[in-house]
Amino acid sequence: MVEKYSNEYWMEFAIEEARLAFQEYEVPIGAILIKENKIVAADHNRTNQFQSSLAHAEKLIIEKVISSGDKFLYDYSLFVTVEPCLMCAGIIIWSRVGKVVFGCYDPKAGAVGSIYNVLLDKNFSHHPGVISGVLERDCSELISRFFKEKR
């Protein structure tokens, strides 16, 4: 897969989704899935809206693409503003996402390097490429501002 846009270019779209979450009083995490240089799915956290602690941005867009007929997502890249949690990292493994790019680390719940790196665990059969720290400051400031204003 030849990528014609930078990781920063794509992360801007995920940040825009996170800003929508912020406006909706959701934890501001946004995600997009790209394939062949096109966004095929985009969403943000909707745990309050759906009254479900499982309505994470990554899960929502992966389920959307899988429900359209792609069982495995080897040719997809996932861009997410905050390091995936354990649930989302598991979904990434089972759906076989090819590449994961995230903005800032989550020292309290991150499972792609902070607390644990499930994507590197040799006990699993799929290990996507991982790039971290893309537009990290922008991603971090958005989530920090949300929790400051919430308090």
N, C-alpha and C. Protein backbone atom coordinates (compact mmCIF):
# COMPACT_ATOMS: atom_id res chain seq x y z
N MET A 1 0.85 -1.18 0.00
CA MET A 1 0.00 0.00 0.00
C MET A 1 0.89 1.24 0.00
N VAL A 2 0.77 2.04 -1.03
CA VAL A 2 1.52 3.27 -1.13
C VAL A 2 0.68 4.39 -0.54
N GLU A 3 1.25 5.08 0.43
CA GLU A 3 0.52 6.18 1.07
C GLU A 3 0.98 7.49 0.46
N LYS A 4 0.02 8.28 0.02
CA LYS A 4 0.41 9.54 -0.61
C LYS A 4 0.30 10.74 0.32
N TYR A 5 -0.24 10.53 1.51
CA TYR A 5 -0.35 11.60 2.49
C TYR A 5 0.41 11.22 3.75
N SER A 6 0.83 12.21 4.50
CA SER A 6 1.60 11.97 5.72
C SER A 6 0.70 11.51 6.86
N ASN A 7 1.33 10.94 7.88
CA ASN A 7 0.60 10.55 9.09
C ASN A 7 -0.04 11.77 9.74
N GLU A 8 0.63 12.90 9.69
CA GLU A 8 0.09 14.13 10.27
C GLU A 8 -1.18 14.57 9.53
N TYR A 9 -1.17 14.43 8.23
CA TYR A 9 -2.34 14.77 7.43
C TYR A 9 -3.56 13.98 7.90
N TRP A 10 -3.40 12.67 8.02
CA TRP A 10 -4.52 11.83 8.43
C TRP A 10 -4.92 12.08 9.88
N MET A 11 -3.93 12.32 10.75
CA MET A 11 -4.25 12.54 12.16
C MET A 11 -5.12 13.78 12.34
N GLU A 12 -4.97 14.76 11.48
CA GLU A 12 -5.83 15.96 11.57
C GLU A 12 -7.31 15.58 11.49
N PHE A 13 -7.64 14.58 10.68
CA PHE A 13 -9.04 14.14 10.58
C PHE A 13 -9.49 13.47 11.88
N ALA A 14 -8.61 12.69 12.48
CA ALA A 14 -8.95 12.05 13.76
C ALA A 14 -9.12 13.13 14.85
N ILE A 15 -8.28 14.14 14.81
CA ILE A 15 -8.40 15.25 15.78
C ILE A 15 -9.73 15.97 15.58
N GLU A 16 -10.14 16.14 14.36
CA GLU A 16 -11.44 16.78 14.10
C GLU A 16 -12.57 15.97 14.72
N GLU A 17 -12.49 14.65 14.63
CA GLU A 17 -13.48 13.78 15.28
C GLU A 17 -13.43 13.97 16.80
N ALA A 18 -12.23 14.07 17.35
CA ALA A 18 -12.08 14.27 18.80
C ALA A 18 -12.71 15.59 19.23
N ARG A 19 -12.56 16.61 18.40
CA ARG A 19 -13.18 17.90 18.71
C ARG A 19 -14.71 17.79 18.72
N LEU A 20 -15.26 17.00 17.82
CA LEU A 20 -16.71 16.77 17.83
C LEU A 20 -17.13 16.10 19.14
N ALA A 21 -16.34 15.12 19.58
CA ALA A 21 -16.63 14.46 20.86
C ALA A 21 -16.61 15.47 21.99
N PHE A 22 -15.61 16.34 22.00
CA PHE A 22 -15.49 17.38 23.02
C PHE A 22 -16.76 18.23 23.06
N GLN A 23 -17.24 18.65 21.90
CA GLN A 23 -18.46 19.47 21.82
C GLN A 23 -19.68 18.73 22.34
N GLU A 24 -19.66 17.40 22.24
CA GLU A 24 -20.78 16.58 22.69
C GLU A 24 -20.59 16.09 24.14
N TYR A 25 -19.59 16.61 24.83
CA TYR A 25 -19.27 16.23 26.21
C TYR A 25 -18.90 14.76 26.34
N GLU A 26 -18.31 14.24 25.28
CA GLU A 26 -17.75 12.89 25.30
C GLU A 26 -16.24 13.03 25.49
N VAL A 27 -15.60 12.00 26.03
CA VAL A 27 -14.14 12.02 26.12
C VAL A 27 -13.61 12.21 24.70
N PRO A 28 -12.81 13.25 24.47
CA PRO A 28 -12.44 13.61 23.11
C PRO A 28 -11.36 12.71 22.48
N ILE A 29 -11.81 11.59 22.00
CA ILE A 29 -10.94 10.68 21.27
C ILE A 29 -11.61 10.45 19.92
N GLY A 30 -10.85 10.67 18.87
CA GLY A 30 -11.35 10.48 17.52
C GLY A 30 -10.50 9.46 16.79
N ALA A 31 -11.12 8.82 15.80
CA ALA A 31 -10.40 7.80 15.03
C ALA A 31 -10.91 7.77 13.60
N ILE A 32 -10.02 7.39 12.70
CA ILE A 32 -10.38 7.16 11.31
C ILE A 32 -9.71 5.88 10.84
N LEU A 33 -10.32 5.25 9.86
CA LEU A 33 -9.70 4.11 9.17
C LEU A 33 -9.50 4.53 7.72
N ILE A 34 -8.29 4.31 7.22
CA ILE A 34 -8.04 4.62 5.82
C ILE A 34 -7.63 3.36 5.07
N LYS A 35 -7.98 3.36 3.80
CA LYS A 35 -7.58 2.29 2.89
C LYS A 35 -7.38 2.93 1.53
N GLU A 36 -6.26 2.65 0.92
CA GLU A 36 -5.95 3.19 -0.41
C GLU A 36 -6.12 4.70 -0.45
N ASN A 37 -5.56 5.37 0.56
CA ASN A 37 -5.55 6.83 0.64
C ASN A 37 -6.94 7.47 0.69
N LYS A 38 -7.90 6.74 1.25
CA LYS A 38 -9.24 7.29 1.43
C LYS A 38 -9.74 6.95 2.83
N ILE A 39 -10.46 7.88 3.43
CA ILE A 39 -11.09 7.61 4.72
C ILE A 39 -12.33 6.75 4.45
N VAL A 40 -12.36 5.59 5.07
CA VAL A 40 -13.51 4.70 4.88
C VAL A 40 -14.43 4.71 6.10
N ALA A 41 -13.94 5.17 7.22
CA ALA A 41 -14.77 5.29 8.42
C ALA A 41 -14.13 6.31 9.36
N ALA A 42 -14.98 7.06 10.03
CA ALA A 42 -14.52 8.05 11.00
C ALA A 42 -15.56 8.16 12.10
N ASP A 43 -15.10 8.28 13.33
CA ASP A 43 -16.03 8.47 14.44
C ASP A 43 -15.25 8.92 15.66
N HIS A 44 -15.98 9.13 16.73
CA HIS A 44 -15.38 9.53 18.00
C HIS A 44 -16.08 8.79 19.13
N ASN A 45 -15.52 8.90 20.32
CA ASN A 45 -16.15 8.24 21.47
C ASN A 45 -17.60 8.67 21.60
N ARG A 46 -18.45 7.69 21.93
CA ARG A 46 -19.88 7.96 22.10
C ARG A 46 -20.43 7.20 23.31
N THR A 47 -19.63 7.10 24.35
CA THR A 47 -20.04 6.31 25.51
C THR A 47 -21.27 6.90 26.20
N ASN A 48 -21.36 8.22 26.27
CA ASN A 48 -22.54 8.85 26.87
C ASN A 48 -23.74 8.73 25.95
N GLN A 49 -23.54 9.04 24.69
CA GLN A 49 -24.64 9.00 23.73
C GLN A 49 -25.26 7.62 23.63
N PHE A 50 -24.43 6.58 23.60
CA PHE A 50 -24.93 5.21 23.47
C PHE A 50 -25.16 4.53 24.82
N GLN A 51 -24.86 5.25 25.91
CA GLN A 51 -24.97 4.68 27.25
C GLN A 51 -24.25 3.33 27.33
N SER A 52 -23.03 3.33 26.79
CA SER A 52 -22.22 2.11 26.76
C SER A 52 -20.76 2.46 26.96
N SER A 53 -20.15 1.85 27.94
CA SER A 53 -18.72 2.07 28.17
C SER A 53 -17.87 1.46 27.07
N LEU A 54 -18.50 0.71 26.16
CA LEU A 54 -17.78 0.07 25.06
C LEU A 54 -17.78 0.90 23.78
N ALA A 55 -18.43 2.03 23.76
CA ALA A 55 -18.57 2.83 22.54
C ALA A 55 -17.35 3.71 22.28
N HIS A 56 -16.19 3.07 22.17
CA HIS A 56 -14.95 3.78 21.89
C HIS A 56 -14.84 4.02 20.38
N ALA A 57 -14.16 5.08 20.01
CA ALA A 57 -14.03 5.47 18.60
C ALA A 57 -13.48 4.33 17.74
N GLU A 58 -12.42 3.68 18.21
CA GLU A 58 -11.79 2.61 17.43
C GLU A 58 -12.77 1.46 17.19
N LYS A 59 -13.45 1.08 18.23
CA LYS A 59 -14.41 -0.03 18.14
C LYS A 59 -15.53 0.30 17.16
N LEU A 60 -16.04 1.50 17.24
CA LEU A 60 -17.15 1.90 16.39
C LEU A 60 -16.79 1.84 14.90
N ILE A 61 -15.61 2.35 14.56
CA ILE A 61 -15.27 2.37 13.14
C ILE A 61 -14.84 0.99 12.62
N ILE A 62 -14.18 0.22 13.45
CA ILE A 62 -13.80 -1.14 13.02
C ILE A 62 -15.06 -1.97 12.80
N GLU A 63 -16.02 -1.88 13.72
CA GLU A 63 -17.27 -2.62 13.54
C GLU A 63 -18.01 -2.18 12.28
N LYS A 64 -17.98 -0.88 12.00
CA LYS A 64 -18.66 -0.36 10.81
C LYS A 64 -18.07 -0.97 9.54
N VAL A 65 -16.75 -1.01 9.45
CA VAL A 65 -16.10 -1.55 8.25
C VAL A 65 -16.32 -3.05 8.15
N ILE A 66 -16.20 -3.75 9.27
CA ILE A 66 -16.41 -5.20 9.24
C ILE A 66 -17.86 -5.53 8.85
N SER A 67 -18.81 -4.75 9.33
CA SER A 67 -20.20 -5.02 8.99
C SER A 67 -20.50 -4.78 7.51
N SER A 68 -19.62 -4.05 6.82
CA SER A 68 -19.82 -3.82 5.39
C SER A 68 -19.21 -4.93 4.54
N GLY A 69 -18.58 -5.91 5.20
CA GLY A 69 -18.12 -7.08 4.46
C GLY A 69 -16.64 -7.41 4.53
N ASP A 70 -15.82 -6.54 5.06
CA ASP A 70 -14.39 -6.85 5.18
C ASP A 70 -14.14 -7.52 6.53
N LYS A 71 -13.89 -8.81 6.51
CA LYS A 71 -13.68 -9.55 7.76
C LYS A 71 -12.36 -9.18 8.41
N PHE A 72 -11.30 -9.08 7.60
CA PHE A 72 -9.98 -8.72 8.12
C PHE A 72 -9.51 -7.42 7.47
N LEU A 73 -8.82 -6.61 8.24
CA LEU A 73 -8.46 -5.26 7.81
C LEU A 73 -6.96 -5.08 7.60
N TYR A 74 -6.31 -6.07 7.03
CA TYR A 74 -4.86 -6.01 6.79
C TYR A 74 -4.44 -4.76 6.02
N ASP A 75 -5.25 -4.33 5.07
CA ASP A 75 -4.90 -3.20 4.20
C ASP A 75 -5.36 -1.85 4.74
N TYR A 76 -5.76 -1.81 5.98
CA TYR A 76 -6.27 -0.58 6.58
C TYR A 76 -5.26 -0.01 7.57
N SER A 77 -5.31 1.31 7.71
CA SER A 77 -4.54 2.00 8.74
C SER A 77 -5.52 2.71 9.66
N LEU A 78 -5.32 2.52 10.95
CA LEU A 78 -6.15 3.15 11.97
C LEU A 78 -5.39 4.32 12.55
N PHE A 79 -6.01 5.49 12.53
CA PHE A 79 -5.45 6.68 13.16
C PHE A 79 -6.35 7.04 14.32
N VAL A 80 -5.77 7.17 15.51
CA VAL A 80 -6.55 7.48 16.71
C VAL A 80 -5.77 8.48 17.54
N THR A 81 -6.48 9.43 18.14
CA THR A 81 -5.81 10.52 18.83
C THR A 81 -5.14 10.11 20.13
N VAL A 82 -5.64 9.07 20.77
CA VAL A 82 -5.09 8.61 22.06
C VAL A 82 -4.78 7.12 21.95
N GLU A 83 -3.73 6.71 22.59
CA GLU A 83 -3.31 5.31 22.63
C GLU A 83 -4.49 4.39 22.95
N PRO A 84 -4.69 3.36 22.16
CA PRO A 84 -5.81 2.44 22.41
C PRO A 84 -5.72 1.74 23.78
N CYS A 85 -6.90 1.50 24.35
CA CYS A 85 -7.01 0.75 25.60
C CYS A 85 -6.91 -0.74 25.29
N LEU A 86 -6.99 -1.56 26.31
CA LEU A 86 -6.88 -3.00 26.13
C LEU A 86 -8.00 -3.55 25.26
N MET A 87 -9.23 -3.08 25.46
CA MET A 87 -10.35 -3.56 24.64
C MET A 87 -10.10 -3.24 23.17
N CYS A 88 -9.73 -2.00 22.89
CA CYS A 88 -9.53 -1.59 21.50
C CYS A 88 -8.31 -2.27 20.88
N ALA A 89 -7.27 -2.47 21.67
CA ALA A 89 -6.10 -3.19 21.16
C ALA A 89 -6.48 -4.62 20.80
N GLY A 90 -7.33 -5.25 21.60
CA GLY A 90 -7.82 -6.59 21.27
C GLY A 90 -8.61 -6.60 19.98
N ILE A 91 -9.45 -5.60 19.80
CA ILE A 91 -10.23 -5.50 18.57
C ILE A 91 -9.31 -5.30 17.37
N ILE A 92 -8.26 -4.52 17.55
CA ILE A 92 -7.28 -4.30 16.49
C ILE A 92 -6.62 -5.62 16.10
N ILE A 93 -6.27 -6.42 17.08
CA ILE A 93 -5.65 -7.73 16.81
C ILE A 93 -6.62 -8.64 16.08
N TRP A 94 -7.81 -8.81 16.62
CA TRP A 94 -8.76 -9.77 16.05
C TRP A 94 -9.25 -9.37 14.66
N SER A 95 -9.31 -8.07 14.39
CA SER A 95 -9.76 -7.62 13.07
C SER A 95 -8.59 -7.50 12.09
N ARG A 96 -7.37 -7.69 12.59
CA ARG A 96 -6.16 -7.70 11.75
C ARG A 96 -5.88 -6.36 11.07
N VAL A 97 -6.06 -5.27 11.81
CA VAL A 97 -5.72 -3.95 11.27
C VAL A 97 -4.23 -3.96 10.93
N GLY A 98 -3.88 -3.42 9.77
CA GLY A 98 -2.50 -3.45 9.31
C GLY A 98 -1.56 -2.50 10.02
N LYS A 99 -2.04 -1.30 10.31
CA LYS A 99 -1.18 -0.29 10.94
C LYS A 99 -2.00 0.55 11.90
N VAL A 100 -1.40 0.89 13.02
CA VAL A 100 -2.02 1.75 14.03
C VAL A 100 -1.13 2.97 14.22
N VAL A 101 -1.73 4.14 14.12
CA VAL A 101 -1.02 5.40 14.35
C VAL A 101 -1.79 6.15 15.42
N PHE A 102 -1.11 6.51 16.50
CA PHE A 102 -1.82 7.26 17.53
C PHE A 102 -1.06 8.51 17.94
N GLY A 103 -1.80 9.43 18.55
CA GLY A 103 -1.25 10.73 18.92
C GLY A 103 -0.53 10.71 20.24
N CYS A 104 -1.27 10.66 21.34
CA CYS A 104 -0.64 10.74 22.65
C CYS A 104 -0.85 9.44 23.43
N TYR A 105 0.07 9.22 24.34
CA TYR A 105 -0.01 8.05 25.22
C TYR A 105 -1.08 8.27 26.29
N ASP A 106 -1.60 7.17 26.81
CA ASP A 106 -2.56 7.19 27.91
C ASP A 106 -1.95 6.42 29.07
N PRO A 107 -1.29 7.13 29.99
CA PRO A 107 -0.57 6.45 31.07
C PRO A 107 -1.46 5.68 32.05
N LYS A 108 -2.77 5.93 32.01
CA LYS A 108 -3.69 5.25 32.93
C LYS A 108 -4.36 4.03 32.33
N ALA A 109 -4.51 4.00 31.00
CA ALA A 109 -5.26 2.89 30.40
C ALA A 109 -4.69 2.41 29.07
N GLY A 110 -3.58 2.96 28.65
CA GLY A 110 -3.01 2.61 27.35
C GLY A 110 -2.44 1.20 27.29
N ALA A 111 -2.79 0.49 26.23
CA ALA A 111 -2.32 -0.90 26.08
C ALA A 111 -1.46 -1.09 24.83
N VAL A 112 -0.88 0.03 24.35
CA VAL A 112 0.03 -0.04 23.20
C VAL A 112 1.35 0.65 23.58
N GLY A 113 1.76 0.43 24.83
CA GLY A 113 3.04 0.96 25.26
C GLY A 113 3.06 1.54 26.66
N SER A 114 1.96 2.09 27.14
CA SER A 114 1.97 2.73 28.45
C SER A 114 1.95 1.72 29.59
N ILE A 115 0.85 1.02 29.75
CA ILE A 115 0.72 0.03 30.82
C ILE A 115 1.27 -1.31 30.35
N TYR A 116 0.98 -1.59 29.10
CA TYR A 116 1.32 -2.88 28.50
C TYR A 116 1.30 -2.67 27.00
N ASN A 117 1.99 -3.50 26.24
CA ASN A 117 1.89 -3.42 24.79
C ASN A 117 1.37 -4.73 24.24
N VAL A 118 0.06 -4.85 24.23
CA VAL A 118 -0.58 -6.08 23.78
C VAL A 118 -0.30 -6.34 22.30
N LEU A 119 -0.07 -5.28 21.51
CA LEU A 119 0.17 -5.48 20.08
C LEU A 119 1.51 -6.14 19.80
N LEU A 120 2.40 -6.14 20.78
CA LEU A 120 3.69 -6.81 20.61
C LEU A 120 3.74 -8.18 21.29
N ASP A 121 2.68 -8.54 21.97
CA ASP A 121 2.66 -9.81 22.71
C ASP A 121 2.76 -10.97 21.72
N LYS A 122 3.80 -11.76 21.85
CA LYS A 122 4.07 -12.87 20.92
C LYS A 122 3.03 -13.99 21.03
N ASN A 123 2.20 -13.96 22.05
CA ASN A 123 1.16 -14.98 22.18
C ASN A 123 0.02 -14.77 21.18
N PHE A 124 -0.05 -13.60 20.59
CA PHE A 124 -1.08 -13.32 19.59
C PHE A 124 -0.48 -13.50 18.20
N SER A 125 -1.34 -13.83 17.25
CA SER A 125 -0.87 -14.14 15.91
C SER A 125 -0.78 -12.92 14.98
N HIS A 126 -1.27 -11.78 15.41
CA HIS A 126 -1.22 -10.59 14.55
C HIS A 126 -0.53 -9.46 15.28
N HIS A 127 0.38 -8.79 14.60
CA HIS A 127 1.14 -7.68 15.17
C HIS A 127 1.18 -6.53 14.16
N PRO A 128 0.24 -5.59 14.26
CA PRO A 128 0.22 -4.49 13.30
C PRO A 128 1.43 -3.57 13.48
N GLY A 129 1.74 -2.82 12.44
CA GLY A 129 2.73 -1.77 12.59
C GLY A 129 2.17 -0.70 13.51
N VAL A 130 3.03 -0.07 14.29
CA VAL A 130 2.58 0.96 15.23
C VAL A 130 3.48 2.18 15.10
N ILE A 131 2.85 3.35 15.01
CA ILE A 131 3.56 4.62 15.02
C ILE A 131 2.89 5.47 16.10
N SER A 132 3.67 5.99 17.02
CA SER A 132 3.11 6.79 18.11
C SER A 132 3.65 8.22 18.05
N GLY A 133 2.97 9.10 18.75
CA GLY A 133 3.44 10.48 18.90
C GLY A 133 3.13 11.39 17.73
N VAL A 134 2.20 11.02 16.87
CA VAL A 134 1.86 11.87 15.72
C VAL A 134 0.91 12.98 16.18
N LEU A 135 1.36 14.21 16.02
CA LEU A 135 0.64 15.39 16.52
C LEU A 135 0.30 15.22 18.00
N GLU A 136 1.25 14.67 18.72
CA GLU A 136 1.07 14.35 20.13
C GLU A 136 0.61 15.53 20.97
N ARG A 137 1.21 16.67 20.76
CA ARG A 137 0.86 17.85 21.56
C ARG A 137 -0.61 18.23 21.36
N ASP A 138 -1.06 18.27 20.10
CA ASP A 138 -2.45 18.63 19.82
C ASP A 138 -3.42 17.64 20.47
N CYS A 139 -3.11 16.36 20.34
CA CYS A 139 -3.98 15.32 20.91
C CYS A 139 -4.01 15.40 22.43
N SER A 140 -2.85 15.59 23.02
CA SER A 140 -2.73 15.65 24.48
C SER A 140 -3.43 16.88 25.05
N GLU A 141 -3.25 18.03 24.40
CA GLU A 141 -3.88 19.26 24.88
C GLU A 141 -5.41 19.16 24.86
N LEU A 142 -5.94 18.53 23.84
CA LEU A 142 -7.39 18.41 23.74
C LEU A 142 -7.97 17.58 24.87
N ILE A 143 -7.36 16.45 25.14
CA ILE A 143 -7.89 15.59 26.19
C ILE A 143 -7.63 16.19 27.58
N SER A 144 -6.49 16.85 27.76
CA SER A 144 -6.19 17.51 29.04
C SER A 144 -7.19 18.63 29.31
N ARG A 145 -7.48 19.42 28.29
CA ARG A 145 -8.45 20.52 28.44
C ARG A 145 -9.83 19.99 28.81
N PHE A 146 -10.22 18.89 28.20
CA PHE A 146 -11.52 18.30 28.50
C PHE A 146 -11.63 17.94 29.98
N PHE A 147 -10.63 17.25 30.51
CA PHE A 147 -10.71 16.83 31.91
C PHE A 147 -10.54 18.00 32.88
N LYS A 148 -9.79 19.03 32.50
CA LYS A 148 -9.69 20.23 33.34
C LYS A 148 -11.04 20.92 33.44
N GLU A 149 -11.73 21.05 32.31
CA GLU A 149 -13.03 21.72 32.30
C GLU A 149 -14.09 20.88 32.99
N LYS A 150 -13.93 19.60 32.96
CA LYS A 150 -14.90 18.69 33.60
C LYS A 150 -14.84 18.79 35.11
N ARG A 151 -13.67 19.09 35.66
CA ARG A 151 -13.50 19.14 37.12
C ARG A 151 -14.07 20.38 37.68
